[in-house]
């Protein structure tokens, strides 16, 4: 806890970074769906009603860059890409489940 005379370092706040990571309309839904099974892009478009290619592609890219999803090229015919939770992503999901428990849901 800070006193009135102490200044808070606002340059980098871990909580703010975490909230930025999950900001956006589709990221929480993508992570929730990835818990169940690997995801394919077109399947996501159909499951996320009201989404469009650009917003889903951007959300997937950010989640991959953050290390929460792993992008895998499946070299079967037809060639396709799957997204699944990484170890880091699974750890985040367990934290979300704990938070849901605190909220009584």
PDB file of N, CA and C in Angstrom:
ATOM      1  N   UNK A   1       0.847  -1.174   0.000  1.00  0.00           N
ATOM      2  CA  UNK A   1       0.000   0.000   0.000  1.00  0.00           C
ATOM      3  C   UNK A   1       0.888   1.232   0.000  1.00  0.00           C
ATOM      4  N   UNK A   2       0.472   2.262  -0.715  1.00  0.00           N
ATOM      5  CA  UNK A   2       1.274   3.473  -0.798  1.00  0.00           C
ATOM      6  C   UNK A   2       0.706   4.539   0.120  1.00  0.00           C
ATOM      7  N   UNK A   3       1.590   5.395   0.562  1.00  0.00           N
ATOM      8  CA  UNK A   3       1.134   6.540   1.355  1.00  0.00           C
ATOM      9  C   UNK A   3       0.934   7.705   0.418  1.00  0.00           C
ATOM     10  N   UNK A   4       0.415   8.784   0.950  1.00  0.00           N
ATOM     11  CA  UNK A   4       0.131   9.949   0.114  1.00  0.00           C
ATOM     12  C   UNK A   4       1.395  10.549  -0.480  1.00  0.00           C
ATOM     13  N   UNK A   5       2.516  10.414   0.210  1.00  0.00           N
ATOM     14  CA  UNK A   5       3.761  11.021  -0.262  1.00  0.00           C
ATOM     15  C   UNK A   5       4.486  10.164  -1.291  1.00  0.00           C
ATOM     16  N   UNK A   6       4.139   8.887  -1.403  1.00  0.00           N
ATOM     17  CA  UNK A   6       4.795   7.996  -2.362  1.00  0.00           C
ATOM     18  C   UNK A   6       4.144   8.136  -3.726  1.00  0.00           C
ATOM     19  N   UNK A   7       4.957   8.075  -4.749  1.00  0.00           N
ATOM     20  CA  UNK A   7       4.430   8.136  -6.115  1.00  0.00           C
ATOM     21  C   UNK A   7       4.333   6.727  -6.671  1.00  0.00           C
ATOM     22  N   UNK A   8       3.285   6.482  -7.414  1.00  0.00           N
ATOM     23  CA  UNK A   8       3.085   5.182  -8.047  1.00  0.00           C
ATOM     24  C   UNK A   8       3.757   5.206  -9.409  1.00  0.00           C
ATOM     25  N   UNK A   9       4.487   4.151  -9.723  1.00  0.00           N
ATOM     26  CA  UNK A   9       5.125   4.033 -11.033  1.00  0.00           C
ATOM     27  C   UNK A   9       4.058   3.623 -12.049  1.00  0.00           C
ATOM     28  N   UNK A  10       3.654   4.560 -12.888  1.00  0.00           N
ATOM     29  CA  UNK A  10       2.614   4.303 -13.867  1.00  0.00           C
ATOM     30  C   UNK A  10       3.168   3.869 -15.222  1.00  0.00           C
ATOM     31  N   UNK A  11       4.483   3.751 -15.313  1.00  0.00           N
ATOM     32  CA  UNK A  11       5.083   3.375 -16.586  1.00  0.00           C
ATOM     33  C   UNK A  11       4.734   1.941 -16.979  1.00  0.00           C
ATOM     34  N   UNK A  12       4.742   1.029 -16.013  1.00  0.00           N
ATOM     35  CA  UNK A  12       4.448  -0.360 -16.328  1.00  0.00           C
ATOM     36  C   UNK A  12       3.670  -0.987 -15.182  1.00  0.00           C
ATOM     37  N   UNK A  13       2.450  -1.333 -15.467  1.00  0.00           N
ATOM     38  CA  UNK A  13       1.597  -1.974 -14.472  1.00  0.00           C
ATOM     39  C   UNK A  13       1.227  -3.361 -15.002  1.00  0.00           C
ATOM     40  N   UNK A  14       1.626  -4.431 -14.313  1.00  0.00           N
ATOM     41  CA  UNK A  14       1.329  -5.788 -14.797  1.00  0.00           C
ATOM     42  C   UNK A  14      -0.164  -6.038 -14.999  1.00  0.00           C
ATOM     43  N   UNK A  15      -0.978  -5.499 -14.119  1.00  0.00           N
ATOM     44  CA  UNK A  15      -2.425  -5.690 -14.261  1.00  0.00           C
ATOM     45  C   UNK A  15      -2.929  -5.029 -15.532  1.00  0.00           C
ATOM     46  N   UNK A  16      -2.448  -3.847 -15.814  1.00  0.00           N
ATOM     47  CA  UNK A  16      -2.862  -3.147 -17.033  1.00  0.00           C
ATOM     48  C   UNK A  16      -2.416  -3.910 -18.275  1.00  0.00           C
ATOM     49  N   UNK A  17      -1.206  -4.458 -18.233  1.00  0.00           N
ATOM     50  CA  UNK A  17      -0.704  -5.245 -19.360  1.00  0.00           C
ATOM     51  C   UNK A  17      -1.582  -6.473 -19.597  1.00  0.00           C
ATOM     52  N   UNK A  18      -1.977  -7.128 -18.511  1.00  0.00           N
ATOM     53  CA  UNK A  18      -2.828  -8.313 -18.610  1.00  0.00           C
ATOM     54  C   UNK A  18      -4.200  -7.953 -19.178  1.00  0.00           C
ATOM     55  N   UNK A  19      -4.756  -6.849 -18.708  1.00  0.00           N
ATOM     56  CA  UNK A  19      -6.065  -6.419 -19.215  1.00  0.00           C
ATOM     57  C   UNK A  19      -5.997  -6.045 -20.694  1.00  0.00           C
ATOM     58  N   UNK A  20      -4.913  -5.415 -21.104  1.00  0.00           N
ATOM     59  CA  UNK A  20      -4.735  -5.095 -22.529  1.00  0.00           C
ATOM     60  C   UNK A  20      -4.676  -6.363 -23.376  1.00  0.00           C
ATOM     61  N   UNK A  21      -4.011  -7.372 -22.826  1.00  0.00           N
ATOM     62  CA  UNK A  21      -3.866  -8.638 -23.535  1.00  0.00           C
ATOM     63  C   UNK A  21      -5.226  -9.263 -23.845  1.00  0.00           C
ATOM     64  N   UNK A  22      -6.184  -9.110 -22.924  1.00  0.00           N
ATOM     65  CA  UNK A  22      -7.497  -9.717 -23.109  1.00  0.00           C
ATOM     66  C   UNK A  22      -8.544  -8.743 -23.621  1.00  0.00           C
ATOM     67  N   UNK A  23      -8.126  -7.527 -23.918  1.00  0.00           N
ATOM     68  CA  UNK A  23      -9.098  -6.566 -24.439  1.00  0.00           C
ATOM     69  C   UNK A  23      -9.464  -6.950 -25.871  1.00  0.00           C
ATOM     70  N   UNK A  24     -10.602  -6.523 -26.281  1.00  0.00           N
ATOM     71  CA  UNK A  24     -11.082  -6.876 -27.607  1.00  0.00           C
ATOM     72  C   UNK A  24     -12.292  -7.767 -27.493  1.00  0.00           C
ATOM     73  N   UNK A  25     -13.114  -7.702 -28.482  1.00  0.00           N
ATOM     74  CA  UNK A  25     -14.390  -8.410 -28.428  1.00  0.00           C
ATOM     75  C   UNK A  25     -14.241  -9.925 -28.507  1.00  0.00           C
ATOM     76  N   UNK A  26     -13.263 -10.423 -29.262  1.00  0.00           N
ATOM     77  CA  UNK A  26     -13.242 -11.850 -29.572  1.00  0.00           C
ATOM     78  C   UNK A  26     -12.229 -12.660 -28.788  1.00  0.00           C
ATOM     79  N   UNK A  27     -11.219 -12.044 -28.207  1.00  0.00           N
ATOM     80  CA  UNK A  27     -10.162 -12.811 -27.533  1.00  0.00           C
ATOM     81  C   UNK A  27     -10.678 -13.705 -26.409  1.00  0.00           C
ATOM     82  N   UNK A  28     -11.514 -13.209 -25.496  1.00  0.00           N
ATOM     83  CA  UNK A  28     -12.010 -14.116 -24.442  1.00  0.00           C
ATOM     84  C   UNK A  28     -12.792 -15.304 -25.005  1.00  0.00           C
ATOM     85  N   UNK A  29     -13.571 -15.062 -26.036  1.00  0.00           N
ATOM     86  CA  UNK A  29     -14.352 -16.138 -26.650  1.00  0.00           C
ATOM     87  C   UNK A  29     -13.451 -17.149 -27.349  1.00  0.00           C
ATOM     88  N   UNK A  30     -12.423 -16.663 -28.015  1.00  0.00           N
ATOM     89  CA  UNK A  30     -11.484 -17.559 -28.691  1.00  0.00           C
ATOM     90  C   UNK A  30     -10.800 -18.458 -27.669  1.00  0.00           C
ATOM     91  N   UNK A  31     -10.338 -17.868 -26.568  1.00  0.00           N
ATOM     92  CA  UNK A  31      -9.688 -18.671 -25.529  1.00  0.00           C
ATOM     93  C   UNK A  31     -10.655 -19.689 -24.942  1.00  0.00           C
ATOM     94  N   UNK A  32     -11.876 -19.275 -24.716  1.00  0.00           N
ATOM     95  CA  UNK A  32     -12.876 -20.197 -24.155  1.00  0.00           C
ATOM     96  C   UNK A  32     -13.126 -21.380 -25.094  1.00  0.00           C
ATOM     97  N   UNK A  33     -13.219 -21.097 -26.393  1.00  0.00           N
ATOM     98  CA  UNK A  33     -13.442 -22.164 -27.374  1.00  0.00           C
ATOM     99  C   UNK A  33     -12.215 -23.065 -27.517  1.00  0.00           C
ATOM    100  N   UNK A  34     -11.024 -22.487 -27.350  1.00  0.00           N
ATOM    101  CA  UNK A  34      -9.785 -23.272 -27.487  1.00  0.00           C
ATOM    102  C   UNK A  34      -9.613 -24.281 -26.360  1.00  0.00           C
ATOM    103  N   UNK A  35     -10.304 -24.093 -25.250  1.00  0.00           N
ATOM    104  CA  UNK A  35     -10.236 -25.057 -24.146  1.00  0.00           C
ATOM    105  C   UNK A  35     -10.818 -26.392 -24.589  1.00  0.00           C
ATOM    106  N   UNK A  36     -11.878 -26.323 -25.394  1.00  0.00           N
ATOM    107  CA  UNK A  36     -12.602 -27.526 -25.791  1.00  0.00           C
ATOM    108  C   UNK A  36     -11.854 -28.365 -26.822  1.00  0.00           C
ATOM    109  N   UNK A  37     -11.264 -27.701 -27.816  1.00  0.00           N
ATOM    110  CA  UNK A  37     -10.567 -28.426 -28.881  1.00  0.00           C
ATOM    111  C   UNK A  37      -9.775 -27.435 -29.729  1.00  0.00           C
ATOM    112  N   UNK A  38      -8.851 -27.953 -30.563  1.00  0.00           N
ATOM    113  CA  UNK A  38      -8.138 -27.059 -31.480  1.00  0.00           C
ATOM    114  C   UNK A  38      -9.135 -26.323 -32.382  1.00  0.00           C
ATOM    115  N   UNK A  39      -8.772 -25.111 -32.753  1.00  0.00           N
ATOM    116  CA  UNK A  39      -9.661 -24.252 -33.535  1.00  0.00           C
ATOM    117  C   UNK A  39      -9.156 -24.076 -34.957  1.00  0.00           C
ATOM    118  N   UNK A  40     -10.085 -24.012 -35.879  1.00  0.00           N
ATOM    119  CA  UNK A  40      -9.768 -23.657 -37.252  1.00  0.00           C
ATOM    120  C   UNK A  40     -10.435 -22.316 -37.538  1.00  0.00           C
ATOM    121  N   UNK A  41      -9.809 -21.535 -38.398  1.00  0.00           N
ATOM    122  CA  UNK A  41     -10.244 -20.163 -38.647  1.00  0.00           C
ATOM    123  C   UNK A  41     -11.706 -20.089 -39.102  1.00  0.00           C
ATOM    124  N   UNK A  42     -12.070 -20.839 -40.113  1.00  0.00           N
ATOM    125  CA  UNK A  42     -13.445 -20.757 -40.627  1.00  0.00           C
ATOM    126  C   UNK A  42     -14.472 -21.242 -39.604  1.00  0.00           C
ATOM    127  N   UNK A  43     -14.100 -22.208 -38.806  1.00  0.00           N
ATOM    128  CA  UNK A  43     -15.001 -22.668 -37.744  1.00  0.00           C
ATOM    129  C   UNK A  43     -15.231 -21.539 -36.739  1.00  0.00           C
ATOM    130  N   UNK A  44     -14.154 -20.839 -36.402  1.00  0.00           N
ATOM    131  CA  UNK A  44     -14.284 -19.698 -35.494  1.00  0.00           C
ATOM    132  C   UNK A  44     -15.218 -18.638 -36.058  1.00  0.00           C
ATOM    133  N   UNK A  45     -15.070 -18.344 -37.337  1.00  0.00           N
ATOM    134  CA  UNK A  45     -15.936 -17.332 -37.959  1.00  0.00           C
ATOM    135  C   UNK A  45     -17.407 -17.705 -37.818  1.00  0.00           C
ATOM    136  N   UNK A  46     -17.715 -18.975 -37.929  1.00  0.00           N
ATOM    137  CA  UNK A  46     -19.101 -19.420 -37.810  1.00  0.00           C
ATOM    138  C   UNK A  46     -19.575 -19.418 -36.357  1.00  0.00           C
ATOM    139  N   UNK A  47     -18.676 -19.717 -35.428  1.00  0.00           N
ATOM    140  CA  UNK A  47     -19.053 -19.776 -34.019  1.00  0.00           C
ATOM    141  C   UNK A  47     -19.158 -18.395 -33.376  1.00  0.00           C
ATOM    142  N   UNK A  48     -18.391 -17.440 -33.864  1.00  0.00           N
ATOM    143  CA  UNK A  48     -18.399 -16.090 -33.307  1.00  0.00           C
ATOM    144  C   UNK A  48     -19.352 -15.223 -34.122  1.00  0.00           C
ATOM    145  N   UNK A  49     -20.618 -15.283 -33.775  1.00  0.00           N
ATOM    146  CA  UNK A  49     -21.647 -14.555 -34.519  1.00  0.00           C
ATOM    147  C   UNK A  49     -21.375 -13.055 -34.481  1.00  0.00           C
ATOM    148  N   UNK A  50     -21.404 -12.453 -35.648  1.00  0.00           N
ATOM    149  CA  UNK A  50     -21.146 -11.021 -35.767  1.00  0.00           C
ATOM    150  C   UNK A  50     -19.694 -10.682 -36.003  1.00  0.00           C
ATOM    151  N   UNK A  51     -18.833 -11.706 -36.045  1.00  0.00           N
ATOM    152  CA  UNK A  51     -17.408 -11.454 -36.275  1.00  0.00           C
ATOM    153  C   UNK A  51     -17.136 -11.295 -37.763  1.00  0.00           C
ATOM    154  N   UNK A  52     -15.943 -10.801 -38.066  1.00  0.00           N
ATOM    155  CA  UNK A  52     -15.506 -10.737 -39.461  1.00  0.00           C
ATOM    156  C   UNK A  52     -14.070 -11.243 -39.538  1.00  0.00           C
ATOM    157  N   UNK A  53     -13.619 -11.507 -40.755  1.00  0.00           N
ATOM    158  CA  UNK A  53     -12.295 -12.109 -40.952  1.00  0.00           C
ATOM    159  C   UNK A  53     -11.177 -11.264 -40.342  1.00  0.00           C
ATOM    160  N   UNK A  54     -11.260  -9.954 -40.538  1.00  0.00           N
ATOM    161  CA  UNK A  54     -10.183  -9.080 -40.073  1.00  0.00           C
ATOM    162  C   UNK A  54     -10.067  -9.078 -38.557  1.00  0.00           C
ATOM    163  N   UNK A  55     -11.191  -8.980 -37.858  1.00  0.00           N
ATOM    164  CA  UNK A  55     -11.133  -8.899 -36.400  1.00  0.00           C
ATOM    165  C   UNK A  55     -10.699 -10.228 -35.790  1.00  0.00           C
ATOM    166  N   UNK A  56     -11.165 -11.338 -36.331  1.00  0.00           N
ATOM    167  CA  UNK A  56     -10.769 -12.649 -35.812  1.00  0.00           C
ATOM    168  C   UNK A  56      -9.295 -12.907 -36.116  1.00  0.00           C
ATOM    169  N   UNK A  57      -8.853 -12.576 -37.313  1.00  0.00           N
ATOM    170  CA  UNK A  57      -7.445 -12.765 -37.678  1.00  0.00           C
ATOM    171  C   UNK A  57      -6.535 -11.932 -36.770  1.00  0.00           C
ATOM    172  N   UNK A  58      -6.926 -10.695 -36.488  1.00  0.00           N
ATOM    173  CA  UNK A  58      -6.125  -9.831 -35.617  1.00  0.00           C
ATOM    174  C   UNK A  58      -6.077 -10.386 -34.193  1.00  0.00           C
ATOM    175  N   UNK A  59      -7.203 -10.860 -33.694  1.00  0.00           N
ATOM    176  CA  UNK A  59      -7.246 -11.428 -32.339  1.00  0.00           C
ATOM    177  C   UNK A  59      -6.380 -12.680 -32.252  1.00  0.00           C
ATOM    178  N   UNK A  60      -6.467 -13.552 -33.250  1.00  0.00           N
ATOM    179  CA  UNK A  60      -5.644 -14.765 -33.265  1.00  0.00           C
ATOM    180  C   UNK A  60      -4.159 -14.414 -33.297  1.00  0.00           C
ATOM    181  N   UNK A  61      -3.799 -13.461 -34.129  1.00  0.00           N
ATOM    182  CA  UNK A  61      -2.400 -13.051 -34.245  1.00  0.00           C
ATOM    183  C   UNK A  61      -1.875 -12.539 -32.905  1.00  0.00           C
ATOM    184  N   UNK A  62      -2.662 -11.709 -32.224  1.00  0.00           N
ATOM    185  CA  UNK A  62      -2.232 -11.162 -30.940  1.00  0.00           C
ATOM    186  C   UNK A  62      -2.114 -12.248 -29.868  1.00  0.00           C
ATOM    187  N   UNK A  63      -3.038 -13.202 -29.875  1.00  0.00           N
ATOM    188  CA  UNK A  63      -2.978 -14.285 -28.896  1.00  0.00           C
ATOM    189  C   UNK A  63      -1.787 -15.209 -29.156  1.00  0.00           C
ATOM    190  N   UNK A  64      -1.453 -15.430 -30.426  1.00  0.00           N
ATOM    191  CA  UNK A  64      -0.267 -16.230 -30.770  1.00  0.00           C
ATOM    192  C   UNK A  64       0.993 -15.480 -30.343  1.00  0.00           C
ATOM    193  N   UNK A  65       1.061 -14.185 -30.656  1.00  0.00           N
ATOM    194  CA  UNK A  65       2.232 -13.381 -30.293  1.00  0.00           C
ATOM    195  C   UNK A  65       2.426 -13.306 -28.781  1.00  0.00           C
ATOM    196  N   UNK A  66       1.323 -13.332 -28.036  1.00  0.00           N
ATOM    197  CA  UNK A  66       1.399 -13.286 -26.574  1.00  0.00           C
ATOM    198  C   UNK A  66       1.762 -14.643 -25.985  1.00  0.00           C
ATOM    199  N   UNK A  67       1.775 -15.674 -26.817  1.00  0.00           N
ATOM    200  CA  UNK A  67       2.141 -17.001 -26.351  1.00  0.00           C
ATOM    201  C   UNK A  67       0.998 -17.769 -25.707  1.00  0.00           C
ATOM    202  N   UNK A  68      -0.245 -17.313 -25.911  1.00  0.00           N
ATOM    203  CA  UNK A  68      -1.393 -18.006 -25.322  1.00  0.00           C
ATOM    204  C   UNK A  68      -1.952 -19.077 -26.233  1.00  0.00           C
ATOM    205  N   UNK A  69      -1.759 -18.902 -27.529  1.00  0.00           N
ATOM    206  CA  UNK A  69      -2.177 -19.894 -28.521  1.00  0.00           C
ATOM    207  C   UNK A  69      -0.975 -20.345 -29.317  1.00  0.00           C
ATOM    208  N   UNK A  70      -1.036 -21.583 -29.803  1.00  0.00           N
ATOM    209  CA  UNK A  70      -0.010 -22.115 -30.703  1.00  0.00           C
ATOM    210  C   UNK A  70      -0.666 -22.318 -32.063  1.00  0.00           C
ATOM    211  N   UNK A  71      -0.015 -21.805 -33.092  1.00  0.00           N
ATOM    212  CA  UNK A  71      -0.505 -21.941 -34.466  1.00  0.00           C
ATOM    213  C   UNK A  71       0.232 -23.103 -35.116  1.00  0.00           C
ATOM    214  N   UNK A  72      -0.539 -24.062 -35.633  1.00  0.00           N
ATOM    215  CA  UNK A  72       0.042 -25.248 -36.250  1.00  0.00           C
ATOM    216  C   UNK A  72      -0.494 -25.416 -37.662  1.00  0.00           C
ATOM    217  N   UNK A  73       0.397 -25.584 -38.621  1.00  0.00           N
ATOM    218  CA  UNK A  73      -0.009 -25.875 -39.996  1.00  0.00           C
ATOM    219  C   UNK A  73      -0.125 -27.389 -40.127  1.00  0.00           C
ATOM    220  N   UNK A  74      -1.322 -27.857 -40.436  1.00  0.00           N
ATOM    221  CA  UNK A  74      -1.577 -29.289 -40.595  1.00  0.00           C
ATOM    222  C   UNK A  74      -1.449 -29.610 -42.080  1.00  0.00           C
ATOM    223  N   UNK A  75      -0.463 -30.423 -42.403  1.00  0.00           N
ATOM    224  CA  UNK A  75      -0.137 -30.672 -43.808  1.00  0.00           C
ATOM    225  C   UNK A  75      -0.901 -31.861 -44.380  1.00  0.00           C
ATOM    226  N   UNK A  76      -2.158 -31.912 -44.082  1.00  0.00           N
ATOM    227  CA  UNK A  76      -3.044 -32.895 -44.689  1.00  0.00           C
ATOM    228  C   UNK A  76      -3.854 -32.191 -45.766  1.00  0.00           C
ATOM    229  N   UNK A  77      -4.365 -32.933 -46.706  1.00  0.00           N
ATOM    230  CA  UNK A  77      -5.202 -32.298 -47.725  1.00  0.00           C
ATOM    231  C   UNK A  77      -6.628 -32.263 -47.231  1.00  0.00           C
ATOM    232  N   UNK A  78      -7.286 -31.158 -47.254  1.00  0.00           N
ATOM    233  CA  UNK A  78      -6.737 -29.848 -47.613  1.00  0.00           C
ATOM    234  C   UNK A  78      -5.864 -29.285 -46.490  1.00  0.00           C
ATOM    235  N   UNK A  79      -4.826 -28.563 -46.884  1.00  0.00           N
ATOM    236  CA  UNK A  79      -3.933 -27.915 -45.936  1.00  0.00           C
ATOM    237  C   UNK A  79      -4.747 -26.968 -45.068  1.00  0.00           C
ATOM    238  N   UNK A  80      -4.536 -26.990 -43.749  1.00  0.00           N
ATOM    239  CA  UNK A  80      -5.249 -26.070 -42.880  1.00  0.00           C
ATOM    240  C   UNK A  80      -4.404 -25.713 -41.663  1.00  0.00           C
ATOM    241  N   UNK A  81      -4.869 -24.693 -40.949  1.00  0.00           N
ATOM    242  CA  UNK A  81      -4.167 -24.200 -39.770  1.00  0.00           C
ATOM    243  C   UNK A  81      -5.062 -24.404 -38.563  1.00  0.00           C
ATOM    244  N   UNK A  82      -4.467 -24.880 -37.472  1.00  0.00           N
ATOM    245  CA  UNK A  82      -5.199 -25.048 -36.224  1.00  0.00           C
ATOM    246  C   UNK A  82      -4.543 -24.197 -35.143  1.00  0.00           C
ATOM    247  N   UNK A  83      -5.362 -23.724 -34.238  1.00  0.00           N
ATOM    248  CA  UNK A  83      -4.898 -22.958 -33.089  1.00  0.00           C
ATOM    249  C   UNK A  83      -5.305 -23.712 -31.833  1.00  0.00           C
ATOM    250  N   UNK A  84      -4.355 -23.906 -30.919  1.00  0.00           N
ATOM    251  CA  UNK A  84      -4.678 -24.553 -29.650  1.00  0.00           C
ATOM    252  C   UNK A  84      -3.991 -23.795 -28.522  1.00  0.00           C
ATOM    253  N   UNK A  85      -4.456 -24.039 -27.312  1.00  0.00           N
ATOM    254  CA  UNK A  85      -3.878 -23.365 -26.151  1.00  0.00           C
ATOM    255  C   UNK A  85      -2.447 -23.825 -25.914  1.00  0.00           C
ATOM    256  N   UNK A  86      -1.593 -22.892 -25.576  1.00  0.00           N
ATOM    257  CA  UNK A  86      -0.230 -23.210 -25.154  1.00  0.00           C
ATOM    258  C   UNK A  86      -0.264 -23.512 -23.656  1.00  0.00           C
ATOM    259  N   UNK A  87       0.876 -23.873 -23.095  1.00  0.00           N
ATOM    260  CA  UNK A  87       0.956 -24.079 -21.642  1.00  0.00           C
ATOM    261  C   UNK A  87       0.585 -22.801 -20.911  1.00  0.00           C
ATOM    262  N   UNK A  88       1.082 -21.690 -21.421  1.00  0.00           N
ATOM    263  CA  UNK A  88       0.765 -20.384 -20.825  1.00  0.00           C
ATOM    264  C   UNK A  88      -0.734 -20.110 -20.916  1.00  0.00           C
ATOM    265  N   UNK A  89      -1.330 -20.457 -22.036  1.00  0.00           N
ATOM    266  CA  UNK A  89      -2.769 -20.281 -22.221  1.00  0.00           C
ATOM    267  C   UNK A  89      -3.573 -21.132 -21.256  1.00  0.00           C
ATOM    268  N   UNK A  90      -3.150 -22.370 -21.042  1.00  0.00           N
ATOM    269  CA  UNK A  90      -3.838 -23.249 -20.088  1.00  0.00           C
ATOM    270  C   UNK A  90      -3.734 -22.697 -18.664  1.00  0.00           C
ATOM    271  N   UNK A  91      -2.597 -22.124 -18.338  1.00  0.00           N
ATOM    272  CA  UNK A  91      -2.416 -21.535 -17.004  1.00  0.00           C
ATOM    273  C   UNK A  91      -3.357 -20.347 -16.815  1.00  0.00           C
ATOM    274  N   UNK A  92      -3.503 -19.538 -17.849  1.00  0.00           N
ATOM    275  CA  UNK A  92      -4.409 -18.383 -17.779  1.00  0.00           C
ATOM    276  C   UNK A  92      -5.849 -18.854 -17.614  1.00  0.00           C
ATOM    277  N   UNK A  93      -6.225 -19.899 -18.320  1.00  0.00           N
ATOM    278  CA  UNK A  93      -7.588 -20.432 -18.217  1.00  0.00           C
ATOM    279  C   UNK A  93      -7.870 -20.888 -16.788  1.00  0.00           C
ATOM    280  N   UNK A  94      -6.889 -21.525 -16.146  1.00  0.00           N
ATOM    281  CA  UNK A  94      -7.111 -21.967 -14.766  1.00  0.00           C
ATOM    282  C   UNK A  94      -7.314 -20.769 -13.836  1.00  0.00           C
ATOM    283  N   UNK A  95      -6.622 -19.671 -14.107  1.00  0.00           N
ATOM    284  CA  UNK A  95      -6.815 -18.449 -13.312  1.00  0.00           C
ATOM    285  C   UNK A  95      -8.232 -17.912 -13.528  1.00  0.00           C
ATOM    286  N   UNK A  96      -8.695 -17.920 -14.774  1.00  0.00           N
ATOM    287  CA  UNK A  96     -10.063 -17.469 -15.060  1.00  0.00           C
ATOM    288  C   UNK A  96     -11.088 -18.328 -14.326  1.00  0.00           C
ATOM    289  N   UNK A  97     -10.858 -19.635 -14.300  1.00  0.00           N
ATOM    290  CA  UNK A  97     -11.785 -20.528 -13.599  1.00  0.00           C
ATOM    291  C   UNK A  97     -11.814 -20.222 -12.113  1.00  0.00           C
ATOM    292  N   UNK A  98     -10.637 -19.921 -11.544  1.00  0.00           N
ATOM    293  CA  UNK A  98     -10.592 -19.552 -10.138  1.00  0.00           C
ATOM    294  C   UNK A  98     -11.361 -18.253  -9.887  1.00  0.00           C
ATOM    295  N   UNK A  99     -11.212 -17.291 -10.783  1.00  0.00           N
ATOM    296  CA  UNK A  99     -11.945 -16.023 -10.645  1.00  0.00           C
ATOM    297  C   UNK A  99     -13.449 -16.245 -10.760  1.00  0.00           C
ATOM    298  N   UNK A 100     -13.873 -17.107 -11.674  1.00  0.00           N
ATOM    299  CA  UNK A 100     -15.284 -17.420 -11.804  1.00  0.00           C
ATOM    300  C   UNK A 100     -15.809 -18.021 -10.507  1.00  0.00           C
ATOM    301  N   UNK A 101     -15.001 -18.867  -9.863  1.00  0.00           N
ATOM    302  CA  UNK A 101     -15.388 -19.454  -8.585  1.00  0.00           C
ATOM    303  C   UNK A 101     -15.582 -18.390  -7.507  1.00  0.00           C
ATOM    304  N   UNK A 102     -14.726 -17.373  -7.520  1.00  0.00           N
ATOM    305  CA  UNK A 102     -14.854 -16.279  -6.550  1.00  0.00           C
ATOM    306  C   UNK A 102     -16.145 -15.482  -6.778  1.00  0.00           C
ATOM    307  N   UNK A 103     -16.540 -15.405  -8.037  1.00  0.00           N
ATOM    308  CA  UNK A 103     -17.756 -14.654  -8.360  1.00  0.00           C
ATOM    309  C   UNK A 103     -19.011 -15.490  -8.147  1.00  0.00           C
ATOM    310  N   UNK A 104     -18.819 -16.762  -7.866  1.00  0.00           N
ATOM    311  CA  UNK A 104     -19.958 -17.623  -7.603  1.00  0.00           C
ATOM    312  C   UNK A 104     -20.679 -18.097  -8.850  1.00  0.00           C
ATOM    313  N   UNK A 105     -19.961 -18.165  -9.959  1.00  0.00           N
ATOM    314  CA  UNK A 105     -20.583 -18.608 -11.211  1.00  0.00           C
ATOM    315  C   UNK A 105     -20.158 -20.007 -11.556  1.00  0.00           C
TER     316      UNK A 105
END
